[in-house]
Amino acid sequence: MVNIRKEAVQQTGADPKASKRIANSSDTAKASLQGINGDPLVEPVPEFIETPSEKVIANANNSWIVLGRDRHSTIDSGYGGKGDTQAASIDIVCGRIANNARSVDRKTGEKLWADPDFRVDAARIYVSQKTDLDKNFGLTTGRVGTSSAKSGIAMKADAIRFIAREGIKLVTSEARTNSQGGTIQGVVGIDIIAGNMNSRADGTDLQPIPKGDNLALALRRLTDHVEKLNGIVTTFLEIQTTYNQSIMTHWHHSPFFAAPTVPSTVVMADGVKAMADSLTKTMAGLLSHKTNLAMFKHTYLKASGKKYICSRYNNVN
């Protein structure tokens, strides 16, 4: 994240006539035009290129509500520009041309006129009865696809926060037909795409969201299987220890009157060491491993655990 410092008050590019009137005003008048406590404030604001069918509500500080037809840039853009019916729109904008806003053109000194700019304008809520929402805002396809010639709502700003006192629901496909009367073919999900990157285009990782309860259940079963493996190794160790004891004390009949031979001193020494290592290292390791599995289950797979892998508040289907 890059933070760029800028002056809190920037009046470069403001209407020169208004600036001149302020400069020639008395100190008292100037003080009342500084925007303090909601007083009037002169700042650079472009003129809006308005079509005859649009009703525009605006103030002197670059806040706009435009009631019209679908339009994302010039007057011939969108379904409103094509002359389509059922393409009503409401465009709520704060900060046309954002930090580059000016009242006059730098080169000509004439009034600066601006169309809607879904890429540059500072903050916008756009509502349309018929629009190409993803295309107009430059959004990647993702898994849910692209919305075209359908109703849509988009919000764009440097930061967006959804705040609800009693929960937020993101719900798709609650109806069988869309706003254009078309049949909805199956359930369409929700994509969360950081950086507006499409996995199909550049190899970024767009994957299904796991279901927490099912994931926890799968991991619990996996740890159960690992615990059983721990038991299998323990049983094998016990069997191997019994066999090692037999090898350690193994003897043969000698050719001299079939008298029994003494066990091999080398095998005896190695056997004692192997048994000791099995008890002090292998068995101890198995006990520690079993304890670690139990702690893993409690920490990550139980709701009482400090690092429970399921959210305590948020759900997904």
Foldseek 3Di string as FASTA:
>chain_A
DDDDDDDPDDAPQWQVVVVVVLVPDDPVVVVQAPCPPNGNHTHFAAAEDDDPQWDWDDDRQQWIKIWGFDDAFDCLDWPVNVVDPQWTKIKTAHAVQNPPGHQADPPPRHGHYGTHHLARGAWIKMWIQFGFVCVSNVAAQAPLGTDHRGTDIDIDHPDDDDDDPPDDDDDWDPDQAGSVRHGDDDTGDDFDDPPRDYCVPPNDDGDDDDFQLVVLVVVVVVLVVVLVVLVVVVVVLVVVLVVLVCLLQDWFQDPPVRHIDGGDPVSVVVSVVVNVCCVPPVVVVSVVVNVVSVLCCQQARDPPHPNDPDDPPDGDD
